[in-house]
PDB file of N, CA and C in Angstrom:
ATOM      1  N   MET A   1      19.397 -64.806 -16.042  1.00  0.00           N
ATOM      2  CA  MET A   1      18.067 -64.314 -16.301  1.00  0.00           C
ATOM      3  C   MET A   1      17.469 -63.703 -15.040  1.00  0.00           C
ATOM      4  N   ARG A   2      17.740 -64.363 -13.962  1.00  0.00           N
ATOM      5  CA  ARG A   2      17.204 -63.870 -12.702  1.00  0.00           C
ATOM      6  C   ARG A   2      17.797 -62.520 -12.344  1.00  0.00           C
ATOM      7  N   LYS A   3      19.073 -62.333 -12.655  1.00  0.00           N
ATOM      8  CA  LYS A   3      19.740 -61.070 -12.355  1.00  0.00           C
ATOM      9  C   LYS A   3      19.161 -59.948 -13.228  1.00  0.00           C
ATOM     10  N   SER A   4      18.909 -60.233 -14.485  1.00  0.00           N
ATOM     11  CA  SER A   4      18.349 -59.210 -15.371  1.00  0.00           C
ATOM     12  C   SER A   4      16.914 -58.858 -14.956  1.00  0.00           C
ATOM     13  N   ALA A   5      16.156 -59.830 -14.500  1.00  0.00           N
ATOM     14  CA  ALA A   5      14.795 -59.560 -14.025  1.00  0.00           C
ATOM     15  C   ALA A   5      14.839 -58.681 -12.781  1.00  0.00           C
ATOM     16  N   MET A   6      15.824 -58.925 -11.917  1.00  0.00           N
ATOM     17  CA  MET A   6      15.970 -58.125 -10.696  1.00  0.00           C
ATOM     18  C   MET A   6      16.355 -56.683 -11.059  1.00  0.00           C
ATOM     19  N   ILE A   7      17.209 -56.516 -12.061  1.00  0.00           N
ATOM     20  CA  ILE A   7      17.605 -55.175 -12.498  1.00  0.00           C
ATOM     21  C   ILE A   7      16.402 -54.430 -13.079  1.00  0.00           C
ATOM     22  N   VAL A   8      15.567 -55.128 -13.824  1.00  0.00           N
ATOM     23  CA  VAL A   8      14.369 -54.509 -14.405  1.00  0.00           C
ATOM     24  C   VAL A   8      13.412 -54.087 -13.299  1.00  0.00           C
ATOM     25  N   VAL A   9      13.235 -54.940 -12.286  1.00  0.00           N
ATOM     26  CA  VAL A   9      12.327 -54.610 -11.173  1.00  0.00           C
ATOM     27  C   VAL A   9      12.846 -53.406 -10.405  1.00  0.00           C
ATOM     28  N   VAL A  10      14.159 -53.370 -10.123  1.00  0.00           N
ATOM     29  CA  VAL A  10      14.746 -52.230  -9.399  1.00  0.00           C
ATOM     30  C   VAL A  10      14.610 -50.964 -10.249  1.00  0.00           C
ATOM     31  N   ALA A  11      14.859 -51.068 -11.557  1.00  0.00           N
ATOM     32  CA  ALA A  11      14.734 -49.905 -12.438  1.00  0.00           C
ATOM     33  C   ALA A  11      13.292 -49.395 -12.462  1.00  0.00           C
ATOM     34  N   LEU A  12      12.330 -50.302 -12.518  1.00  0.00           N
ATOM     35  CA  LEU A  12      10.920 -49.894 -12.478  1.00  0.00           C
ATOM     36  C   LEU A  12      10.560 -49.242 -11.147  1.00  0.00           C
ATOM     37  N   ALA A  13      11.102 -49.809 -10.052  1.00  0.00           N
ATOM     38  CA  ALA A  13      10.827 -49.239  -8.723  1.00  0.00           C
ATOM     39  C   ALA A  13      11.411 -47.830  -8.621  1.00  0.00           C
ATOM     40  N   LEU A  14      12.638 -47.642  -9.099  1.00  0.00           N
ATOM     41  CA  LEU A  14      13.248 -46.313  -9.066  1.00  0.00           C
ATOM     42  C   LEU A  14      12.499 -45.341  -9.976  1.00  0.00           C
ATOM     43  N   SER A  15      12.082 -45.829 -11.129  1.00  0.00           N
ATOM     44  CA  SER A  15      11.313 -44.986 -12.040  1.00  0.00           C
ATOM     45  C   SER A  15       9.982 -44.583 -11.419  1.00  0.00           C
ATOM     46  N   LEU A  16       9.322 -45.519 -10.756  1.00  0.00           N
ATOM     47  CA  LEU A  16       8.056 -45.241 -10.087  1.00  0.00           C
ATOM     48  C   LEU A  16       8.264 -44.260  -8.941  1.00  0.00           C
ATOM     49  N   ALA A  17       9.322 -44.446  -8.161  1.00  0.00           N
ATOM     50  CA  ALA A  17       9.615 -43.529  -7.050  1.00  0.00           C
ATOM     51  C   ALA A  17       9.905 -42.130  -7.584  1.00  0.00           C
ATOM     52  N   GLY A  18      10.688 -42.049  -8.679  1.00  0.00           N
ATOM     53  CA  GLY A  18      10.977 -40.749  -9.273  1.00  0.00           C
ATOM     54  C   GLY A  18       9.725 -40.082  -9.792  1.00  0.00           C
ATOM     55  N   SER A  19       8.854 -40.836 -10.416  1.00  0.00           N
ATOM     56  CA  SER A  19       7.594 -40.278 -10.907  1.00  0.00           C
ATOM     57  C   SER A  19       6.732 -39.771  -9.765  1.00  0.00           C
ATOM     58  N   MET A  20       6.739 -40.481  -8.652  1.00  0.00           N
ATOM     59  CA  MET A  20       5.953 -40.056  -7.486  1.00  0.00           C
ATOM     60  C   MET A  20       6.511 -38.755  -6.906  1.00  0.00           C
ATOM     61  N   VAL A  21       7.836 -38.635  -6.872  1.00  0.00           N
ATOM     62  CA  VAL A  21       8.451 -37.397  -6.358  1.00  0.00           C
ATOM     63  C   VAL A  21       8.105 -36.227  -7.265  1.00  0.00           C
ATOM     64  N   VAL A  22       8.205 -36.443  -8.579  1.00  0.00           N
ATOM     65  CA  VAL A  22       7.879 -35.380  -9.541  1.00  0.00           C
ATOM     66  C   VAL A  22       6.404 -35.014  -9.432  1.00  0.00           C
ATOM     67  N   ALA A  23       5.532 -35.979  -9.315  1.00  0.00           N
ATOM     68  CA  ALA A  23       4.096 -35.709  -9.187  1.00  0.00           C
ATOM     69  C   ALA A  23       3.799 -34.938  -7.909  1.00  0.00           C
ATOM     70  N   ASN A  24       4.466 -35.311  -6.821  1.00  0.00           N
ATOM     71  CA  ASN A  24       4.266 -34.608  -5.549  1.00  0.00           C
ATOM     72  C   ASN A  24       4.719 -33.157  -5.670  1.00  0.00           C
ATOM     73  N   ARG A  25       5.830 -32.938  -6.352  1.00  0.00           N
ATOM     74  CA  ARG A  25       6.328 -31.572  -6.546  1.00  0.00           C
ATOM     75  C   ARG A  25       5.362 -30.769  -7.421  1.00  0.00           C
ATOM     76  N   GLN A  26       4.778 -31.403  -8.411  1.00  0.00           N
ATOM     77  CA  GLN A  26       3.807 -30.726  -9.262  1.00  0.00           C
ATOM     78  C   GLN A  26       2.573 -30.311  -8.457  1.00  0.00           C
ATOM     79  N   ILE A  27       2.160 -31.154  -7.553  1.00  0.00           N
ATOM     80  CA  ILE A  27       1.008 -30.827  -6.695  1.00  0.00           C
ATOM     81  C   ILE A  27       1.343 -29.636  -5.808  1.00  0.00           C
ATOM     82  N   GLN A  28       2.560 -29.623  -5.260  1.00  0.00           N
ATOM     83  CA  GLN A  28       2.978 -28.494  -4.422  1.00  0.00           C
ATOM     84  C   GLN A  28       3.025 -27.204  -5.231  1.00  0.00           C
ATOM     85  N   LEU A  29       3.560 -27.274  -6.453  1.00  0.00           N
ATOM     86  CA  LEU A  29       3.614 -26.089  -7.310  1.00  0.00           C
ATOM     87  C   LEU A  29       2.210 -25.589  -7.647  1.00  0.00           C
ATOM     88  N   HIS A  30       1.300 -26.500  -7.914  1.00  0.00           N
ATOM     89  CA  HIS A  30      -0.078 -26.102  -8.208  1.00  0.00           C
ATOM     90  C   HIS A  30      -0.707 -25.407  -6.996  1.00  0.00           C
ATOM     91  N   ALA A  31      -0.459 -25.939  -5.808  1.00  0.00           N
ATOM     92  CA  ALA A  31      -1.000 -25.321  -4.599  1.00  0.00           C
ATOM     93  C   ALA A  31      -0.413 -23.928  -4.391  1.00  0.00           C
ATOM     94  N   LEU A  32       0.882 -23.770  -4.656  1.00  0.00           N
ATOM     95  CA  LEU A  32       1.504 -22.454  -4.513  1.00  0.00           C
ATOM     96  C   LEU A  32       0.979 -21.470  -5.552  1.00  0.00           C
ATOM     97  N   GLN A  33       0.747 -21.941  -6.770  1.00  0.00           N
ATOM     98  CA  GLN A  33       0.193 -21.069  -7.793  1.00  0.00           C
ATOM     99  C   GLN A  33      -1.226 -20.631  -7.430  1.00  0.00           C
ATOM    100  N   SER A  34      -1.999 -21.533  -6.891  1.00  0.00           N
ATOM    101  CA  SER A  34      -3.359 -21.180  -6.459  1.00  0.00           C
ATOM    102  C   SER A  34      -3.322 -20.153  -5.347  1.00  0.00           C
ATOM    103  N   GLN A  35      -2.406 -20.340  -4.407  1.00  0.00           N
ATOM    104  CA  GLN A  35      -2.270 -19.388  -3.305  1.00  0.00           C
ATOM    105  C   GLN A  35      -1.822 -18.021  -3.838  1.00  0.00           C
ATOM    106  N   LEU A  36      -0.881 -18.007  -4.792  1.00  0.00           N
ATOM    107  CA  LEU A  36      -0.425 -16.757  -5.380  1.00  0.00           C
ATOM    108  C   LEU A  36      -1.572 -16.036  -6.084  1.00  0.00           C
ATOM    109  N   LEU A  37      -2.363 -16.754  -6.844  1.00  0.00           N
ATOM    110  CA  LEU A  37      -3.502 -16.141  -7.532  1.00  0.00           C
ATOM    111  C   LEU A  37      -4.505 -15.555  -6.536  1.00  0.00           C
ATOM    112  N   GLN A  38      -4.732 -16.262  -5.435  1.00  0.00           N
ATOM    113  CA  GLN A  38      -5.657 -15.762  -4.411  1.00  0.00           C
ATOM    114  C   GLN A  38      -5.121 -14.483  -3.777  1.00  0.00           C
ATOM    115  N   GLU A  39      -3.822 -14.462  -3.470  1.00  0.00           N
ATOM    116  CA  GLU A  39      -3.220 -13.264  -2.872  1.00  0.00           C
ATOM    117  C   GLU A  39      -3.238 -12.096  -3.856  1.00  0.00           C
ATOM    118  N   GLN A  40      -2.967 -12.362  -5.137  1.00  0.00           N
ATOM    119  CA  GLN A  40      -3.016 -11.300  -6.135  1.00  0.00           C
ATOM    120  C   GLN A  40      -4.429 -10.756  -6.286  1.00  0.00           C
ATOM    121  N   SER A  41      -5.411 -11.620  -6.212  1.00  0.00           N
ATOM    122  CA  SER A  41      -6.804 -11.185  -6.303  1.00  0.00           C
ATOM    123  C   SER A  41      -7.172 -10.309  -5.109  1.00  0.00           C
ATOM    124  N   THR A  42      -6.765 -10.726  -3.917  1.00  0.00           N
ATOM    125  CA  THR A  42      -7.033  -9.932  -2.711  1.00  0.00           C
ATOM    126  C   THR A  42      -6.361  -8.570  -2.801  1.00  0.00           C
ATOM    127  N   TYR A  43      -5.120  -8.560  -3.280  1.00  0.00           N
ATOM    128  CA  TYR A  43      -4.387  -7.301  -3.426  1.00  0.00           C
ATOM    129  C   TYR A  43      -5.096  -6.381  -4.422  1.00  0.00           C
ATOM    130  N   ALA A  44      -5.540  -6.934  -5.544  1.00  0.00           N
ATOM    131  CA  ALA A  44      -6.224  -6.125  -6.552  1.00  0.00           C
ATOM    132  C   ALA A  44      -7.524  -5.535  -5.994  1.00  0.00           C
ATOM    133  N   GLU A  45      -8.235  -6.302  -5.195  1.00  0.00           N
ATOM    134  CA  GLU A  45      -9.465  -5.792  -4.576  1.00  0.00           C
ATOM    135  C   GLU A  45      -9.145  -4.653  -3.611  1.00  0.00           C
ATOM    136  N   GLN A  46      -8.078  -4.800  -2.829  1.00  0.00           N
ATOM    137  CA  GLN A  46      -7.701  -3.749  -1.886  1.00  0.00           C
ATOM    138  C   GLN A  46      -7.272  -2.484  -2.616  1.00  0.00           C
ATOM    139  N   VAL A  47      -6.498  -2.641  -3.691  1.00  0.00           N
ATOM    140  CA  VAL A  47      -6.086  -1.471  -4.468  1.00  0.00           C
ATOM    141  C   VAL A  47      -7.313  -0.779  -5.054  1.00  0.00           C
ATOM    142  N   GLY A  48      -8.260  -1.567  -5.552  1.00  0.00           N
ATOM    143  CA  GLY A  48      -9.472  -0.984  -6.110  1.00  0.00           C
ATOM    144  C   GLY A  48     -10.281  -0.211  -5.086  1.00  0.00           C
ATOM    145  N   SER A  49     -10.437  -0.772  -3.896  1.00  0.00           N
ATOM    146  CA  SER A  49     -11.223  -0.080  -2.870  1.00  0.00           C
ATOM    147  C   SER A  49     -10.503   1.174  -2.378  1.00  0.00           C
ATOM    148  N   LEU A  50      -9.174   1.107  -2.256  1.00  0.00           N
ATOM    149  CA  LEU A  50      -8.440   2.299  -1.822  1.00  0.00           C
ATOM    150  C   LEU A  50      -8.432   3.366  -2.908  1.00  0.00           C
ATOM    151  N   THR A  51      -8.426   2.946  -4.162  1.00  0.00           N
ATOM    152  CA  THR A  51      -8.493   3.911  -5.254  1.00  0.00           C
ATOM    153  C   THR A  51      -9.826   4.644  -5.231  1.00  0.00           C
ATOM    154  N   LEU A  52     -10.893   3.913  -4.950  1.00  0.00           N
ATOM    155  CA  LEU A  52     -12.207   4.555  -4.864  1.00  0.00           C
ATOM    156  C   LEU A  52     -12.268   5.518  -3.683  1.00  0.00           C
ATOM    157  N   MET A  53     -11.603   5.155  -2.586  1.00  0.00           N
ATOM    158  CA  MET A  53     -11.602   6.034  -1.414  1.00  0.00           C
ATOM    159  C   MET A  53     -10.840   7.327  -1.686  1.00  0.00           C
ATOM    160  N   ALA A  54      -9.863   7.294  -2.597  1.00  0.00           N
ATOM    161  CA  ALA A  54      -9.062   8.476  -2.893  1.00  0.00           C
ATOM    162  C   ALA A  54      -9.577   9.239  -4.111  1.00  0.00           C
ATOM    163  N   ALA A  55     -10.750   8.890  -4.589  1.00  0.00           N
ATOM    164  CA  ALA A  55     -11.309   9.580  -5.760  1.00  0.00           C
ATOM    165  C   ALA A  55     -11.614  11.037  -5.397  1.00  0.00           C
ATOM    166  N   PRO A  56     -11.374  11.955  -6.300  1.00  0.00           N
ATOM    167  CA  PRO A  56     -11.616  13.376  -6.008  1.00  0.00           C
ATOM    168  C   PRO A  56     -13.048  13.671  -5.567  1.00  0.00           C
ATOM    169  N   SER A  57     -14.015  12.997  -6.144  1.00  0.00           N
ATOM    170  CA  SER A  57     -15.406  13.264  -5.753  1.00  0.00           C
ATOM    171  C   SER A  57     -15.651  12.857  -4.305  1.00  0.00           C
ATOM    172  N   ARG A  58     -15.068  11.739  -3.895  1.00  0.00           N
ATOM    173  CA  ARG A  58     -15.241  11.297  -2.506  1.00  0.00           C
ATOM    174  C   ARG A  58     -14.534  12.242  -1.538  1.00  0.00           C
ATOM    175  N   ILE A  59     -13.346  12.702  -1.921  1.00  0.00           N
ATOM    176  CA  ILE A  59     -12.615  13.640  -1.070  1.00  0.00           C
ATOM    177  C   ILE A  59     -13.382  14.948  -0.940  1.00  0.00           C
ATOM    178  N   ALA A  60     -13.967  15.418  -2.037  1.00  0.00           N
ATOM    179  CA  ALA A  60     -14.747  16.651  -1.985  1.00  0.00           C
ATOM    180  C   ALA A  60     -15.978  16.482  -1.096  1.00  0.00           C
ATOM    181  N   THR A  61     -16.612  15.316  -1.164  1.00  0.00           N
ATOM    182  CA  THR A  61     -17.774  15.055  -0.317  1.00  0.00           C
ATOM    183  C   THR A  61     -17.379  15.047   1.166  1.00  0.00           C
ATOM    184  N   GLN A  62     -16.270  14.379   1.471  1.00  0.00           N
ATOM    185  CA  GLN A  62     -15.805  14.335   2.861  1.00  0.00           C
ATOM    186  C   GLN A  62     -15.403  15.733   3.346  1.00  0.00           C
ATOM    187  N   ALA A  63     -14.757  16.507   2.476  1.00  0.00           N
ATOM    188  CA  ALA A  63     -14.366  17.865   2.856  1.00  0.00           C
ATOM    189  C   ALA A  63     -15.600  18.713   3.136  1.00  0.00           C
ATOM    190  N   GLY A  64     -16.638  18.549   2.332  1.00  0.00           N
ATOM    191  CA  GLY A  64     -17.879  19.288   2.579  1.00  0.00           C
ATOM    192  C   GLY A  64     -18.517  18.893   3.892  1.00  0.00           C
ATOM    193  N   ALA A  65     -18.453  17.596   4.238  1.00  0.00           N
ATOM    194  CA  ALA A  65     -19.022  17.142   5.507  1.00  0.00           C
ATOM    195  C   ALA A  65     -18.258  17.726   6.688  1.00  0.00           C
ATOM    196  N   LEU A  66     -16.974  18.034   6.487  1.00  0.00           N
ATOM    197  CA  LEU A  66     -16.162  18.631   7.555  1.00  0.00           C
ATOM    198  C   LEU A  66     -16.158  20.159   7.467  1.00  0.00           C
ATOM    199  N   HIS A  67     -17.025  20.709   6.627  1.00  0.00           N
ATOM    200  CA  HIS A  67     -17.153  22.152   6.418  1.00  0.00           C
ATOM    201  C   HIS A  67     -15.864  22.755   5.874  1.00  0.00           C
ATOM    202  N   LEU A  68     -15.115  21.990   5.112  1.00  0.00           N
ATOM    203  CA  LEU A  68     -13.929  22.499   4.438  1.00  0.00           C
ATOM    204  C   LEU A  68     -14.346  22.848   3.011  1.00  0.00           C
ATOM    205  N   VAL A  69     -14.795  24.068   2.842  1.00  0.00           N
ATOM    206  CA  VAL A  69     -15.341  24.492   1.559  1.00  0.00           C
ATOM    207  C   VAL A  69     -14.442  25.563   0.948  1.00  0.00           C
ATOM    208  N   ASP A  70     -14.701  25.893  -0.294  1.00  0.00           N
ATOM    209  CA  ASP A  70     -13.961  26.967  -0.937  1.00  0.00           C
ATOM    210  C   ASP A  70     -14.205  28.272  -0.183  1.00  0.00           C
ATOM    211  N   PRO A  71     -13.170  29.087  -0.001  1.00  0.00           N
ATOM    212  CA  PRO A  71     -13.363  30.361   0.718  1.00  0.00           C
ATOM    213  C   PRO A  71     -14.190  31.333  -0.114  1.00  0.00           C
ATOM    214  N   LEU A  72     -14.897  32.227   0.587  1.00  0.00           N
ATOM    215  CA  LEU A  72     -15.700  33.229  -0.096  1.00  0.00           C
ATOM    216  C   LEU A  72     -14.819  34.343  -0.632  1.00  0.00           C
ATOM    217  N   THR A  73     -13.774  34.704   0.102  1.00  0.00           N
ATOM    218  CA  THR A  73     -12.850  35.741  -0.338  1.00  0.00           C
ATOM    219  C   THR A  73     -11.425  35.243  -0.145  1.00  0.00           C
ATOM    220  N   VAL A  74     -10.536  35.775  -0.949  1.00  0.00           N
ATOM    221  CA  VAL A  74      -9.120  35.460  -0.852  1.00  0.00           C
ATOM    222  C   VAL A  74      -8.364  36.766  -0.733  1.00  0.00           C
ATOM    223  N   THR A  75      -7.519  36.865   0.288  1.00  0.00           N
ATOM    224  CA  THR A  75      -6.722  38.072   0.482  1.00  0.00           C
ATOM    225  C   THR A  75      -5.324  37.815  -0.061  1.00  0.00           C
ATOM    226  N   GLN A  76      -4.906  38.653  -1.000  1.00  0.00           N
ATOM    227  CA  GLN A  76      -3.588  38.509  -1.593  1.00  0.00           C
ATOM    228  C   GLN A  76      -2.561  39.127  -0.660  1.00  0.00           C
ATOM    229  N   VAL A  77      -1.541  38.376  -0.319  1.00  0.00           N
ATOM    230  CA  VAL A  77      -0.461  38.886   0.517  1.00  0.00           C
ATOM    231  C   VAL A  77       0.551  39.544  -0.403  1.00  0.00           C
ATOM    232  N   PRO A  78       0.913  40.809  -0.099  1.00  0.00           N
ATOM    233  CA  PRO A  78       1.848  41.486  -1.004  1.00  0.00           C
ATOM    234  C   PRO A  78       3.225  40.822  -0.966  1.00  0.00           C
ATOM    235  N   SER A  79       3.893  40.850  -2.095  1.00  0.00           N
ATOM    236  CA  SER A  79       5.232  40.269  -2.150  1.00  0.00           C
ATOM    237  C   SER A  79       6.223  41.235  -1.531  1.00  0.00           C
ATOM    238  N   THR A  80       7.317  40.698  -1.072  1.00  0.00           N
ATOM    239  CA  THR A  80       8.354  41.523  -0.461  1.00  0.00           C
ATOM    240  C   THR A  80       9.709  40.978  -0.868  1.00  0.00           C
ATOM    241  N   SER A  81      10.688  41.823  -0.830  1.00  0.00           N
ATOM    242  CA  SER A  81      12.041  41.420  -1.180  1.00  0.00           C
ATOM    243  C   SER A  81      12.643  40.626  -0.028  1.00  0.00           C
ATOM    244  N   LEU A  82      13.370  39.592  -0.352  1.00  0.00           N
ATOM    245  CA  LEU A  82      14.028  38.793   0.678  1.00  0.00           C
ATOM    246  C   LEU A  82      15.437  39.286   0.964  1.00  0.00           C
ATOM    247  N   ASP A  83      15.833  40.384   0.303  1.00  0.00           N
ATOM    248  CA  ASP A  83      17.170  40.928   0.520  1.00  0.00           C
ATOM    249  C   ASP A  83      17.273  41.743   1.800  1.00  0.00           C
ATOM    250  N   LYS A  84      16.170  42.276   2.275  1.00  0.00           N
ATOM    251  CA  LYS A  84      16.200  43.089   3.496  1.00  0.00           C
ATOM    252  C   LYS A  84      15.362  42.390   4.572  1.00  0.00           C
ATOM    253  N   PRO A  85      15.699  42.564   5.843  1.00  0.00           N
ATOM    254  CA  PRO A  85      14.925  41.937   6.919  1.00  0.00           C
ATOM    255  C   PRO A  85      13.524  42.537   7.011  1.00  0.00           C
ATOM    256  N   LEU A  86      12.581  41.730   7.377  1.00  0.00           N
ATOM    257  CA  LEU A  86      11.198  42.187   7.520  1.00  0.00           C
ATOM    258  C   LEU A  86      11.036  42.967   8.817  1.00  0.00           C
ATOM    259  N   GLN A  87      10.106  43.920   8.775  1.00  0.00           N
ATOM    260  CA  GLN A  87       9.807  44.683   9.982  1.00  0.00           C
ATOM    261  C   GLN A  87       8.989  43.827  10.933  1.00  0.00           C
ATOM    262  N   LEU A  88       9.066  44.159  12.186  1.00  0.00           N
ATOM    263  CA  LEU A  88       8.253  43.463  13.173  1.00  0.00           C
ATOM    264  C   LEU A  88       6.785  43.779  12.933  1.00  0.00           C
ATOM    265  N   PRO A  89       5.905  42.848  13.211  1.00  0.00           N
ATOM    266  CA  PRO A  89       4.479  43.125  13.002  1.00  0.00           C
ATOM    267  C   PRO A  89       3.965  44.124  14.028  1.00  0.00           C
ATOM    268  N   LYS A  90       2.974  44.897  13.617  1.00  0.00           N
ATOM    269  CA  LYS A  90       2.342  45.872  14.506  1.00  0.00           C
ATOM    270  C   LYS A  90       0.957  45.336  14.854  1.00  0.00           C
ATOM    271  N   PHE A  91       0.723  45.162  16.135  1.00  0.00           N
ATOM    272  CA  PHE A  91      -0.555  44.624  16.598  1.00  0.00           C
ATOM    273  C   PHE A  91      -1.475  45.755  16.993  1.00  0.00           C
ATOM    274  N   ILE A  92      -2.737  45.558  16.698  1.00  0.00           N
ATOM    275  CA  ILE A  92      -3.758  46.517  17.116  1.00  0.00           C
ATOM    276  C   ILE A  92      -4.452  45.900  18.319  1.00  0.00           C
ATOM    277  N   GLY A  93      -4.471  46.628  19.418  1.00  0.00           N
ATOM    278  CA  GLY A  93      -5.119  46.108  20.612  1.00  0.00           C
ATOM    279  C   GLY A  93      -4.093  45.506  21.561  1.00  0.00           C
ATOM    280  N   TYR A  94      -4.597  44.777  22.507  1.00  0.00           N
ATOM    281  CA  TYR A  94      -3.754  44.243  23.568  1.00  0.00           C
ATOM    282  C   TYR A  94      -3.769  42.725  23.520  1.00  0.00           C
ATOM    283  N   ALA A  95      -2.603  42.127  23.650  1.00  0.00           N
ATOM    284  CA  ALA A  95      -2.496  40.674  23.702  1.00  0.00           C
ATOM    285  C   ALA A  95      -1.655  40.333  24.922  1.00  0.00           C
ATOM    286  N   PRO A  96      -2.228  39.619  25.891  1.00  0.00           N
ATOM    287  CA  PRO A  96      -1.448  39.325  27.094  1.00  0.00           C
ATOM    288  C   PRO A  96      -0.314  38.334  26.766  1.00  0.00           C
ATOM    289  N   ALA A  97       0.811  38.582  27.400  1.00  0.00           N
ATOM    290  CA  ALA A  97       1.971  37.690  27.207  1.00  0.00           C
ATOM    291  C   ALA A  97       1.957  36.643  28.313  1.00  0.00           C
ATOM    292  N   THR A  98       2.080  35.390  27.918  1.00  0.00           N
ATOM    293  CA  THR A  98       2.132  34.319  28.924  1.00  0.00           C
ATOM    294  C   THR A  98       3.457  33.602  28.805  1.00  0.00           C
ATOM    295  N   SER A  99       3.973  33.197  29.922  1.00  0.00           N
ATOM    296  CA  SER A  99       5.245  32.504  29.961  1.00  0.00           C
ATOM    297  C   SER A  99       5.105  31.106  29.375  1.00  0.00           C
ATOM    298  N   ARG A 100       6.183  30.582  28.855  1.00  0.00           N
ATOM    299  CA  ARG A 100       6.152  29.213  28.312  1.00  0.00           C
ATOM    300  C   ARG A 100       5.942  28.193  29.411  1.00  0.00           C
ATOM    301  N   THR A 101       6.383  28.489  30.595  1.00  0.00           N
ATOM    302  CA  THR A 101       6.233  27.525  31.683  1.00  0.00           C
ATOM    303  C   THR A 101       4.804  27.466  32.188  1.00  0.00           C
ATOM    304  N   ILE A 102       4.037  28.509  31.990  1.00  0.00           N
ATOM    305  CA  ILE A 102       2.646  28.522  32.461  1.00  0.00           C
ATOM    306  C   ILE A 102       1.728  27.839  31.464  1.00  0.00           C
ATOM    307  N   ARG A 103       2.059  27.840  30.205  1.00  0.00           N
ATOM    308  CA  ARG A 103       1.197  27.222  29.180  1.00  0.00           C
ATOM    309  C   ARG A 103       0.996  25.810  29.461  1.00  0.00           C
TER     310      ARG A 103
END
């Protein structure tokens, strides 16, 4: 009888120890899930703020503040064939030539 009582006590102790290990692991998992949710929330907030910063209206406002506006006139560059070499440009007026070492 004494031996069976000892086996029951050891079995209860092992069962209690196992339950404590499982409970501790559950607490760790809960803490990790909470941390994951917090990081996901922070990420979502950052994506939202960066999305607002890249909105077309905001970009247009910033471009206007930098005086980057639509041009008043547009000059169409004539098309040319790529089969023949282009002629050298002809400059009107004088442009001084400077050496690369002096720049």
